[in-house]
């Protein structure tokens, strides 16, 4: 039986769009919070970012909006702003990624809301922060991958800079935002006071470069493109085998001795050029070709089994489709399914937060939040249940274009 979830007494107003903010608020929903996704009458732009689509919803939108309620409201109208201000008085958390200063024009900036709701936790996500010459520029993940140095260090040594295949800085900013919000909620439980949190993709991107960032600060030298190889550990990269690539991750000198024994190159563990990791890094151009030549002599499955028996880290390099078919992924139940009103049965990646004691492992338990909402699907219920508006008042707002409900959306199609 599902018990009360960790954040089931928390109301989150999600005024964010696209990825970083929605990723953070989906995590809060996975932890049990009630999340109201506030959208314009046209909806979050990612609703149309496809293909692929499931029914009339893009895969992009579905990936980060599970477990939320949709309130479609026009903040450019006086009535829309007043409704949002009333909801904000009841909220525990507001998450937004509007351009700097935009929400102040709507009476929805932190200072304006905290005056009447001092316990409010308000998280703002910007591309470049609140100050500086880029503060008013739009922040897109690809641009930040370029600006932070991440793109320059990604790719093959002789190739051009490469963007990661997912908006990684956006995702990491979402994780940082979730962490900061949870910390602020904890602090509020002791002090009763809210907090104003400001996060930028730029600073999260730089902080998330961890050892690479620290190394550059220490030496002044920027990281070089090394493909799949590690700058400070060898061998720690992808290698080809007779029928497909594998990732060999040797974390210490003892593992190296076992790895070369598996490869029939045991003498290398006694060679002063390779015995210790520092020497292996200095002599990688000699060592890596020796390992690659031997790995090409057998099929991948053979090597993987031998490395496993020797307790050496090695995995196949899979496509994402192959990864979802991996026995370990299946054993964890990572892929779930929900019923969607326009798409039917939809597969999705289940929340990593679901492995905890306050929820059961039912396929549609609260740890999975539920399906993403249709545009305006919960508008009527929120205005009636949270703000006490009558059916007649809600219908008048819909007719005036202040709000969108599922019924009014259907009327315009």
Protein backbone atom coordinates (compact mmCIF):
# COMPACT_ATOMS: atom_id res chain seq x y z
CA UNK A 1 0.00 0.00 0.00
CA UNK A 2 1.29 3.45 -0.90
CA UNK A 3 2.15 5.53 2.17
CA UNK A 4 2.37 9.31 2.35
CA UNK A 5 5.25 10.47 0.18
CA UNK A 6 8.15 12.63 1.31
CA UNK A 7 6.87 15.92 -0.14
CA UNK A 8 3.12 15.32 -0.24
CA UNK A 9 2.45 18.48 1.80
CA UNK A 10 4.40 20.70 -0.64
CA UNK A 11 2.76 22.76 -3.40
CA UNK A 12 5.04 23.77 -6.27
CA UNK A 13 4.13 26.36 -8.92
CA UNK A 14 6.18 25.54 -11.99
CA UNK A 15 6.47 28.61 -14.20
CA UNK A 16 9.40 27.16 -16.11
CA UNK A 17 9.56 25.88 -19.66
CA UNK A 18 11.68 23.60 -21.86
CA UNK A 19 14.13 21.51 -19.79
CA UNK A 20 16.13 22.68 -16.74
CA UNK A 21 13.16 23.90 -14.68
CA UNK A 22 10.73 21.15 -15.76
CA UNK A 23 13.39 18.53 -14.98
CA UNK A 24 13.69 19.94 -11.43
CA UNK A 25 9.94 20.08 -10.84
CA UNK A 26 9.42 16.58 -12.22
CA UNK A 27 11.93 15.37 -9.63
CA UNK A 28 9.91 17.14 -6.92
CA UNK A 29 6.75 15.46 -8.25
CA UNK A 30 8.52 12.10 -8.15
CA UNK A 31 9.25 12.78 -4.47
CA UNK A 32 5.57 13.38 -3.81
CA UNK A 33 5.07 17.13 -4.22
CA UNK A 34 2.00 18.51 -5.91
CA UNK A 35 3.29 20.39 -8.96
CA UNK A 36 1.11 22.81 -10.92
CA UNK A 37 2.66 23.51 -14.32
CA UNK A 38 1.66 27.04 -15.29
CA UNK A 39 1.54 27.39 -19.08
CA UNK A 40 0.57 30.09 -21.51
CA UNK A 41 -2.55 29.43 -23.61
CA UNK A 42 -0.18 28.14 -26.30
CA UNK A 43 1.52 25.76 -23.88
CA UNK A 44 5.14 24.95 -23.15
CA UNK A 45 6.93 25.18 -26.51
CA UNK A 46 8.35 21.68 -26.09
CA UNK A 47 4.86 20.25 -26.54
CA UNK A 48 5.53 20.63 -30.28
CA UNK A 49 9.27 19.79 -30.32
CA UNK A 50 9.27 16.63 -32.41
CA UNK A 51 9.35 14.13 -33.83
CA UNK A 52 8.93 11.76 -32.17
CA UNK A 53 5.38 12.18 -30.92
CA UNK A 54 3.03 10.06 -28.84
CA UNK A 55 -0.44 11.02 -29.91
CA UNK A 56 -0.41 14.83 -29.95
CA UNK A 57 2.40 15.15 -27.41
CA UNK A 58 6.10 15.33 -28.24
CA UNK A 59 8.49 12.88 -26.66
CA UNK A 60 10.47 15.88 -25.44
CA UNK A 61 7.55 17.25 -23.41
CA UNK A 62 6.64 13.81 -22.07
CA UNK A 63 10.18 13.26 -20.79
CA UNK A 64 10.16 16.03 -18.15
CA UNK A 65 6.54 16.77 -17.23
CA UNK A 66 5.32 13.57 -15.63
CA UNK A 67 3.16 13.87 -12.53
CA UNK A 68 2.16 17.52 -12.94
CA UNK A 69 -1.13 19.38 -13.24
CA UNK A 70 -1.51 21.84 -16.13
CA UNK A 71 -2.93 25.30 -15.51
CA UNK A 72 -3.13 27.22 -18.80
CA UNK A 73 -3.41 30.94 -18.09
CA UNK A 74 -2.54 34.18 -19.85
CA UNK A 75 -0.29 36.21 -17.54
CA UNK A 76 -0.48 39.15 -19.92
CA UNK A 77 -4.04 39.79 -18.74
CA UNK A 78 -4.83 41.50 -15.44
CA UNK A 79 -7.20 38.71 -14.44
CA UNK A 80 -4.54 36.08 -15.19
CA UNK A 81 -1.96 37.88 -13.08
CA UNK A 82 -4.36 38.24 -10.15
CA UNK A 83 -5.19 34.52 -10.23
CA UNK A 84 -1.52 33.62 -10.22
CA UNK A 85 -0.81 35.99 -7.34
CA UNK A 86 -3.55 34.29 -5.34
CA UNK A 87 -2.09 30.85 -6.06
CA UNK A 88 1.39 32.05 -5.11
CA UNK A 89 0.09 32.96 -1.64
CA UNK A 90 -0.66 29.25 -1.13
CA UNK A 91 2.52 27.89 -2.69
CA UNK A 92 5.56 26.50 -0.93
CA UNK A 93 7.83 26.69 -3.97
CA UNK A 94 7.91 28.70 -7.20
CA UNK A 95 10.27 27.69 -10.01
CA UNK A 96 10.70 30.02 -12.99
CA UNK A 97 13.02 30.63 -15.93
CA UNK A 98 11.56 33.81 -17.44
CA UNK A 99 13.86 36.49 -18.75
CA UNK A 100 15.31 38.65 -16.02
CA UNK A 101 12.72 41.18 -14.84
CA UNK A 102 9.77 39.76 -16.78
CA UNK A 103 7.85 38.41 -13.80
CA UNK A 104 8.21 41.68 -11.92
CA UNK A 105 5.95 43.23 -14.57
CA UNK A 106 3.31 40.65 -13.64
CA UNK A 107 3.66 41.14 -9.88
CA UNK A 108 5.24 37.70 -9.61
CA UNK A 109 8.85 38.47 -8.71
CA UNK A 110 10.28 37.06 -5.49
CA UNK A 111 10.17 40.34 -3.57
CA UNK A 112 6.56 40.97 -4.58
CA UNK A 113 5.38 37.49 -3.56
CA UNK A 114 7.52 37.09 -0.43
CA UNK A 115 6.03 40.28 1.01
CA UNK A 116 2.75 38.38 1.41
CA UNK A 117 4.17 34.84 1.62
CA UNK A 118 7.43 35.08 3.58
CA UNK A 119 7.82 31.30 3.76
CA UNK A 120 7.96 31.03 -0.05
CA UNK A 121 10.95 29.33 -1.66
CA UNK A 122 11.56 30.90 -5.06
CA UNK A 123 14.00 29.35 -7.52
CA UNK A 124 15.04 31.30 -10.62
CA UNK A 125 16.98 29.64 -13.43
CA UNK A 126 18.84 31.82 -15.93
CA UNK A 127 21.30 31.14 -18.69
CA UNK A 128 24.00 33.47 -17.42
CA UNK A 129 22.96 34.61 -13.94
CA UNK A 130 21.54 37.83 -12.56
CA UNK A 131 24.47 40.19 -13.30
CA UNK A 132 27.16 40.70 -15.92
CA UNK A 133 27.25 41.52 -19.64
CA UNK A 134 25.36 38.36 -20.70
CA UNK A 135 22.66 38.49 -18.02
CA UNK A 136 19.89 39.36 -20.47
CA UNK A 137 20.89 36.89 -23.20
CA UNK A 138 18.77 33.76 -23.73
CA UNK A 139 20.51 30.69 -22.35
CA UNK A 140 20.45 27.58 -24.52
CA UNK A 141 22.27 24.42 -23.53
CA UNK A 142 24.22 24.14 -26.77
CA UNK A 143 25.44 27.72 -26.41
CA UNK A 144 26.53 27.00 -22.85
CA UNK A 145 28.32 23.81 -23.91
CA UNK A 146 30.32 26.02 -26.23
CA UNK A 147 30.93 28.81 -23.73
CA UNK A 148 31.95 26.64 -20.76
CA UNK A 149 34.68 24.74 -22.61
CA UNK A 150 32.74 21.48 -22.58
CA UNK A 151 32.37 21.37 -26.35
CA UNK A 152 36.05 22.14 -26.95
CA UNK A 153 37.10 19.09 -24.91
CA UNK A 154 34.54 16.74 -26.45
CA UNK A 155 35.24 14.72 -29.61
CA UNK A 156 38.10 12.85 -31.20
CA UNK A 157 41.61 14.38 -31.00
CA UNK A 158 41.81 15.13 -34.73
CA UNK A 159 38.16 16.07 -35.11
CA UNK A 160 36.15 19.24 -34.49
CA UNK A 161 34.53 20.14 -31.16
CA UNK A 162 31.39 18.11 -30.49
CA UNK A 163 28.18 18.78 -28.59
CA UNK A 164 27.00 16.09 -26.18
CA UNK A 165 24.02 14.15 -27.49
CA UNK A 166 21.73 15.43 -24.72
CA UNK A 167 21.28 18.88 -23.15
CA UNK A 168 23.50 17.91 -20.23
CA UNK A 169 23.96 21.36 -18.68
CA UNK A 170 20.19 21.85 -18.63
CA UNK A 171 19.77 18.50 -16.88
CA UNK A 172 22.50 19.23 -14.34
CA UNK A 173 20.99 22.65 -13.66
CA UNK A 174 17.70 20.91 -12.94
CA UNK A 175 19.46 18.58 -10.49
CA UNK A 176 21.16 21.54 -8.78
CA UNK A 177 17.83 23.38 -8.56
CA UNK A 178 16.14 20.37 -6.96
CA UNK A 179 18.97 20.06 -4.44
CA UNK A 180 18.81 23.75 -3.53
CA UNK A 181 15.01 23.64 -3.14
CA UNK A 182 15.16 20.60 -0.87
CA UNK A 183 17.83 22.28 1.27
CA UNK A 184 15.69 25.45 1.49
CA UNK A 185 12.66 23.38 2.53
CA UNK A 186 14.74 21.79 5.28
CA UNK A 187 15.96 25.20 6.48
CA UNK A 188 12.41 26.56 6.41
CA UNK A 189 11.22 23.74 8.67
CA UNK A 190 13.50 25.18 11.36
CA UNK A 191 13.29 28.92 10.72
CA UNK A 192 9.91 29.38 9.04
CA UNK A 193 11.55 31.61 6.45
CA UNK A 194 11.63 31.07 2.71
CA UNK A 195 14.53 31.68 0.35
CA UNK A 196 15.38 33.28 -2.98
CA UNK A 197 17.50 30.87 -5.03
CA UNK A 198 19.28 31.88 -8.23
CA UNK A 199 20.95 29.33 -10.49
CA UNK A 200 22.59 29.76 -13.89
CA UNK A 201 23.42 27.27 -16.59
CA UNK A 202 26.81 28.96 -16.90
CA UNK A 203 27.91 28.36 -13.32
CA UNK A 204 26.40 24.89 -13.14
CA UNK A 205 28.16 23.99 -16.38
CA UNK A 206 31.53 25.16 -15.06
CA UNK A 207 31.05 23.54 -11.64
CA UNK A 208 30.06 20.26 -13.28
CA UNK A 209 33.38 20.05 -15.12
CA UNK A 210 34.83 19.05 -11.72
CA UNK A 211 38.35 17.59 -12.19
CA UNK A 212 38.72 19.14 -15.64
CA UNK A 213 37.90 22.58 -14.25
CA UNK A 214 40.23 22.14 -11.28
CA UNK A 215 43.03 20.93 -13.52
CA UNK A 216 42.72 23.96 -15.76
CA UNK A 217 42.79 26.32 -12.76
CA UNK A 218 45.92 24.60 -11.45
CA UNK A 219 47.85 24.50 -14.73
CA UNK A 220 46.30 27.11 -16.99
CA UNK A 221 46.08 24.45 -19.70
CA UNK A 222 42.73 23.65 -21.27
CA UNK A 223 41.72 19.96 -21.60
CA UNK A 224 42.36 18.39 -24.99
CA UNK A 225 39.88 16.31 -26.97
CA UNK A 226 40.58 12.65 -26.23
CA UNK A 227 37.52 10.88 -27.60
CA UNK A 228 36.39 8.38 -24.96
CA UNK A 229 39.73 8.44 -23.12
CA UNK A 230 40.27 9.85 -19.62
CA UNK A 231 42.82 12.64 -19.08
CA UNK A 232 44.17 11.19 -15.82
CA UNK A 233 43.53 7.42 -15.91
CA UNK A 234 44.87 4.86 -18.42
CA UNK A 235 43.46 2.58 -19.75
CA UNK A 236 40.03 4.12 -19.33
CA UNK A 237 38.41 4.35 -22.76
CA UNK A 238 36.58 2.54 -25.54
CA UNK A 239 38.35 -0.11 -27.58
CA UNK A 240 37.28 -2.03 -30.67
CA UNK A 241 37.01 -5.80 -30.56
CA UNK A 242 36.50 -8.27 -33.39
CA UNK A 243 32.77 -7.49 -33.55
CA UNK A 244 31.98 -4.34 -31.57
CA UNK A 245 33.35 -1.75 -29.13
CA UNK A 246 33.67 -2.12 -25.39
CA UNK A 247 34.50 0.35 -22.62
CA UNK A 248 37.47 -0.70 -20.48
CA UNK A 249 37.62 1.12 -17.12
CA UNK A 250 40.76 0.30 -15.17
CA UNK A 251 40.64 2.29 -11.94
CA UNK A 252 43.89 1.32 -10.20
CA UNK A 253 47.21 -0.51 -10.61
CA UNK A 254 45.89 -3.81 -9.27
CA UNK A 255 43.09 -3.79 -11.82
CA UNK A 256 45.61 -3.02 -14.54
CA UNK A 257 47.64 -6.10 -13.60
CA UNK A 258 44.53 -8.26 -13.81
CA UNK A 259 43.42 -6.64 -17.10
CA UNK A 260 46.68 -7.28 -18.93
CA UNK A 261 46.72 -10.82 -17.54
CA UNK A 262 43.32 -11.37 -19.18
CA UNK A 263 44.77 -10.03 -22.43
CA UNK A 264 47.78 -12.31 -22.28
CA UNK A 265 50.05 -9.31 -21.76
CA UNK A 266 50.90 -9.88 -18.12
CA UNK A 267 54.48 -8.71 -18.60
CA UNK A 268 53.21 -5.14 -19.05
CA UNK A 269 52.29 -4.92 -15.37
CA UNK A 270 56.00 -5.25 -14.52
CA UNK A 271 57.16 -2.72 -17.13
CA UNK A 272 58.23 0.53 -15.46
CA UNK A 273 56.46 2.47 -18.23
CA UNK A 274 53.10 0.98 -17.27
CA UNK A 275 53.32 -0.36 -13.71
CA UNK A 276 51.76 2.75 -12.12
CA UNK A 277 48.97 4.95 -13.42
CA UNK A 278 51.12 8.09 -13.57
CA UNK A 279 53.52 6.28 -15.91
CA UNK A 280 50.66 4.85 -17.97
CA UNK A 281 49.26 8.34 -18.53
CA UNK A 282 52.70 9.55 -19.66
CA UNK A 283 53.08 6.55 -21.99
CA UNK A 284 49.50 6.14 -23.19
CA UNK A 285 50.56 6.51 -26.84
CA UNK A 286 52.64 3.34 -26.45
CA UNK A 287 50.28 1.34 -24.22
CA UNK A 288 46.91 1.93 -25.88
CA UNK A 289 47.92 0.53 -29.32
CA UNK A 290 49.27 -2.63 -27.61
CA UNK A 291 45.95 -3.18 -25.85
CA UNK A 292 43.93 -2.35 -28.96
CA UNK A 293 45.84 -4.84 -31.09
CA UNK A 294 45.13 -7.67 -28.64
CA UNK A 295 41.45 -6.79 -28.16
CA UNK A 296 40.84 -7.09 -31.90
CA UNK A 297 41.69 -10.79 -31.77
CA UNK A 298 38.49 -11.87 -29.96
CA UNK A 299 34.79 -11.07 -30.00
CA UNK A 300 33.40 -8.60 -27.51
CA UNK A 301 31.37 -11.14 -25.52
CA UNK A 302 34.49 -13.22 -24.95
CA UNK A 303 36.47 -10.32 -23.57
CA UNK A 304 33.58 -9.09 -21.42
CA UNK A 305 33.21 -12.49 -19.79
CA UNK A 306 36.94 -12.73 -19.12
CA UNK A 307 37.13 -9.22 -17.67
CA UNK A 308 34.11 -9.96 -15.46
CA UNK A 309 35.76 -13.09 -14.08
CA UNK A 310 38.91 -11.07 -13.36
CA UNK A 311 36.91 -8.30 -11.62
CA UNK A 312 37.95 -5.69 -14.18
CA UNK A 313 35.44 -2.99 -15.20
CA UNK A 314 34.29 -3.50 -18.79
CA UNK A 315 30.95 -2.92 -20.49
CA UNK A 316 29.69 -3.09 -24.06
CA UNK A 317 29.25 0.24 -25.86
CA UNK A 318 25.52 0.11 -26.59
CA UNK A 319 23.07 2.25 -28.48
CA UNK A 320 20.30 3.71 -26.32
CA UNK A 321 17.83 1.21 -27.81
CA UNK A 322 20.18 -1.62 -26.83
CA UNK A 323 20.61 -0.14 -23.35
CA UNK A 324 16.87 -0.35 -22.68
CA UNK A 325 17.07 -4.03 -23.64
CA UNK A 326 19.97 -4.74 -21.27
CA UNK A 327 19.22 -7.44 -18.64
CA UNK A 328 20.26 -5.17 -15.76
CA UNK A 329 17.93 -2.38 -16.92
CA UNK A 330 15.11 -4.92 -17.17
CA UNK A 331 15.90 -6.35 -13.74
CA UNK A 332 15.56 -2.89 -12.18
CA UNK A 333 12.23 -2.27 -13.92
CA UNK A 334 13.53 1.02 -15.26
CA UNK A 335 11.00 1.29 -18.10
CA UNK A 336 7.37 1.75 -17.13
CA UNK A 337 4.12 2.35 -19.02
CA UNK A 338 1.16 4.66 -18.53
CA UNK A 339 -2.12 5.23 -20.37
CA UNK A 340 -2.29 8.53 -22.22
CA UNK A 341 -5.63 9.94 -23.49
CA UNK A 342 -4.33 10.75 -26.98
CA UNK A 343 -1.52 8.22 -27.34
CA UNK A 344 -2.68 5.09 -25.50
CA UNK A 345 0.07 3.00 -23.95
CA UNK A 346 3.26 5.08 -23.57
CA UNK A 347 6.61 3.74 -22.32
CA UNK A 348 8.74 6.01 -20.16
CA UNK A 349 11.86 6.03 -17.99
CA UNK A 350 10.76 5.56 -14.38
CA UNK A 351 12.03 7.79 -11.62
CA UNK A 352 15.34 6.80 -10.01
CA UNK A 353 13.83 8.12 -6.75
CA UNK A 354 11.28 5.32 -6.56
CA UNK A 355 13.61 2.94 -4.69
CA UNK A 356 12.67 4.10 -1.21
CA UNK A 357 10.63 2.93 1.74
CA UNK A 358 7.74 5.40 1.63
CA UNK A 359 6.25 4.01 -1.57
CA UNK A 360 5.51 0.56 -2.91
CA UNK A 361 6.65 -0.81 -6.25
CA UNK A 362 3.30 -0.77 -8.02
CA UNK A 363 3.64 0.16 -11.72
CA UNK A 364 1.80 3.47 -11.28
CA UNK A 365 2.74 4.38 -7.71
CA UNK A 366 3.28 7.95 -6.50
CA UNK A 367 7.04 7.63 -7.04
CA UNK A 368 6.30 7.62 -10.77
CA UNK A 369 4.10 10.66 -10.52
CA UNK A 370 1.59 9.73 -13.20
CA UNK A 371 1.44 10.73 -16.85
CA UNK A 372 2.21 14.24 -18.17
CA UNK A 373 -0.84 16.50 -18.45
CA UNK A 374 -2.73 17.75 -21.46
CA UNK A 375 -2.64 21.53 -21.92
CA UNK A 376 -5.06 23.09 -19.43
CA UNK A 377 -6.22 19.69 -18.22
CA UNK A 378 -6.42 20.81 -14.58
CA UNK A 379 -7.29 24.48 -15.03
CA UNK A 380 -10.90 24.10 -13.90
CA UNK A 381 -10.07 21.88 -10.93
CA UNK A 382 -7.31 24.23 -9.70
CA UNK A 383 -9.38 27.39 -9.99
CA UNK A 384 -12.37 25.75 -8.34
CA UNK A 385 -10.58 23.68 -5.72
CA UNK A 386 -7.68 25.98 -4.78
CA UNK A 387 -9.21 29.40 -5.36
CA UNK A 388 -12.91 28.65 -4.91
CA UNK A 389 -14.06 30.03 -8.26
CA UNK A 390 -17.55 29.10 -9.44
CA UNK A 391 -18.24 27.27 -12.68
CA UNK A 392 -19.73 30.45 -14.10
CA UNK A 393 -16.62 32.48 -13.24
CA UNK A 394 -14.37 29.85 -14.81
CA UNK A 395 -16.46 29.80 -17.99
CA UNK A 396 -16.27 33.60 -18.22
CA UNK A 397 -12.46 33.48 -17.88
CA UNK A 398 -12.27 30.84 -20.61
CA UNK A 399 -14.52 32.84 -22.94
CA UNK A 400 -12.36 35.93 -22.36
CA UNK A 401 -9.21 33.97 -23.26
CA UNK A 402 -7.68 34.38 -19.81
CA UNK A 403 -7.50 30.63 -19.27
CA UNK A 404 -7.53 27.46 -21.34
CA UNK A 405 -9.30 24.32 -20.18
CA UNK A 406 -9.41 20.96 -21.91
CA UNK A 407 -12.94 21.74 -23.04
CA UNK A 408 -12.09 25.23 -24.33
CA UNK A 409 -9.00 23.84 -26.07
CA UNK A 410 -11.17 21.26 -27.80
CA UNK A 411 -13.58 23.98 -28.93
CA UNK A 412 -10.78 25.78 -30.77
CA UNK A 413 -9.56 22.69 -32.64
